[in-house]
Each structure stands twice: as structure tokens, then as C-alpha cells.
Amino acid sequence: MNPFALPMMMAELTAASFETVWHRTTLMMFGQCSVAEYERMVSEKMHASEAATMALMRGDSLEAMIKPYHKKATANAKRLRRG
């Protein structure tokens, strides 16, 4: 197993989360944040939390528990970056 997998995943998650918050805050500030985006903010966290909880209950690795958050955060950053 790669000893740098978890630290790299955490670094990517941090950067993607920061970028997503920045984009969404900008949308809110200019009154351009859609209802769908607000709903996505809530539902994505619920789904990621559910997946992480299941990984924890199965006794999976830390990487498996963080993966749902990482996947959503990086996808959001990419989507919001495109505008």
C-alpha cells in the first residue's frame, strides 16, 4: 500500500473543499446560487456521510471512509470551476 495515499487524498480534499466553498460563496454573494445548488450542498453531505459510515461499519480503511467526501469535493470543484 502507498504510504502517501491518505495524506495526498486529504490534501486534495482540503483544496477541493476550499475551492468549492469559494465558488459557492461567490454565487451566494451575487445572488446567483440556484435552489438546486443549495439542495446539492445538503444532499451530497448526507450521501457521503452514509457511505463513510458504511465503510466504518465494514471495518474498511481510512482511505475508504474519506473516499466519498473526496469524490464529491473534487467533482464539485471541477464542475464549479467550469462555471
Protein backbone atom coordinates (compact mmCIF):
# COMPACT_ATOMS: atom_id res chain seq x y z
CA MET A 1 0.00 0.00 0.00
CA ASN A 2 1.17 3.50 -0.83
CA PRO A 3 2.10 5.34 2.40
CA PHE A 4 1.28 8.66 0.73
CA ALA A 5 -2.24 7.72 -0.42
CA LEU A 6 -4.08 9.03 2.63
CA PRO A 7 -2.09 12.28 3.01
CA MET A 8 -2.50 13.01 -0.72
CA MET A 9 -6.22 12.29 -0.55
CA MET A 10 -6.56 14.60 2.45
CA ALA A 11 -4.61 17.37 0.70
CA GLU A 12 -6.78 17.06 -2.41
CA LEU A 13 -9.94 17.02 -0.28
CA THR A 14 -8.81 20.18 1.54
CA ALA A 15 -8.00 22.04 -1.68
CA ALA A 16 -11.20 20.94 -3.44
CA SER A 17 -13.33 21.82 -0.40
CA PHE A 18 -11.77 25.28 -0.18
CA GLU A 19 -12.36 25.86 -3.90
CA THR A 20 -15.97 24.67 -3.70
CA VAL A 21 -16.73 26.89 -0.71
CA TRP A 22 -15.16 29.85 -2.51
CA HIS A 23 -17.22 29.28 -5.68
CA ARG A 24 -20.46 28.77 -3.77
CA THR A 25 -19.88 31.78 -1.54
CA THR A 26 -19.29 33.90 -4.63
CA LEU A 27 -22.52 32.61 -6.16
CA MET A 28 -24.41 33.46 -2.97
CA MET A 29 -22.81 36.87 -2.68
CA PHE A 30 -24.04 37.84 -6.16
CA GLY A 31 -27.45 36.17 -5.73
CA GLN A 32 -26.70 33.59 -8.42
CA CYS A 33 -26.82 30.42 -6.34
CA SER A 34 -29.64 28.23 -7.62
CA VAL A 35 -32.07 26.25 -5.50
CA ALA A 36 -30.56 23.09 -6.99
CA GLU A 37 -27.11 24.13 -5.76
CA TYR A 38 -28.42 24.75 -2.23
CA GLU A 39 -30.11 21.34 -2.27
CA ARG A 40 -26.92 19.73 -3.59
CA MET A 41 -24.98 21.22 -0.67
CA VAL A 42 -27.14 19.30 1.77
CA SER A 43 -27.77 16.05 -0.09
CA GLU A 44 -24.16 15.43 -1.09
CA LYS A 45 -23.04 15.61 2.53
CA MET A 46 -25.77 13.22 3.62
CA HIS A 47 -24.81 10.69 0.92
CA ALA A 48 -21.09 10.98 1.62
CA SER A 49 -21.69 10.59 5.36
CA GLU A 50 -23.81 7.49 4.75
CA ALA A 51 -21.12 5.92 2.54
CA ALA A 52 -18.37 6.76 5.04
CA THR A 53 -20.42 5.29 7.89
CA MET A 54 -20.92 2.08 5.93
CA ALA A 55 -17.15 1.87 5.28
CA LEU A 56 -16.53 2.37 9.00
CA MET A 57 -19.06 -0.34 9.92
CA ARG A 58 -17.40 -2.76 7.47
CA GLY A 59 -14.02 -2.06 9.06
CA ASP A 60 -12.60 -0.60 5.84
CA SER A 61 -9.50 1.58 5.69
CA LEU A 62 -9.35 5.29 6.41
CA GLU A 63 -9.00 5.88 2.68
CA ALA A 64 -12.32 4.09 2.10
CA MET A 65 -14.01 6.29 4.70
CA ILE A 66 -12.67 9.51 3.20
CA LYS A 67 -13.21 8.50 -0.43
CA PRO A 68 -16.92 9.56 -0.59
CA TYR A 69 -16.07 13.06 0.62
CA HIS A 70 -13.04 13.26 -1.67
CA LYS A 71 -15.08 12.16 -4.68
CA LYS A 72 -17.85 14.72 -4.08
CA ALA A 73 -15.49 17.60 -3.26
CA THR A 74 -13.26 17.09 -6.29
CA ALA A 75 -16.28 16.67 -8.60
CA ASN A 76 -17.88 19.85 -7.20
CA ALA A 77 -14.68 21.87 -7.62
CA LYS A 78 -14.33 20.70 -11.20
CA ARG A 79 -17.99 21.40 -12.01
CA LEU A 80 -18.00 24.84 -10.39
CA ARG A 81 -14.66 25.74 -11.97
CA ARG A 82 -16.24 25.38 -15.40
CA GLY A 83 -18.90 27.87 -14.40
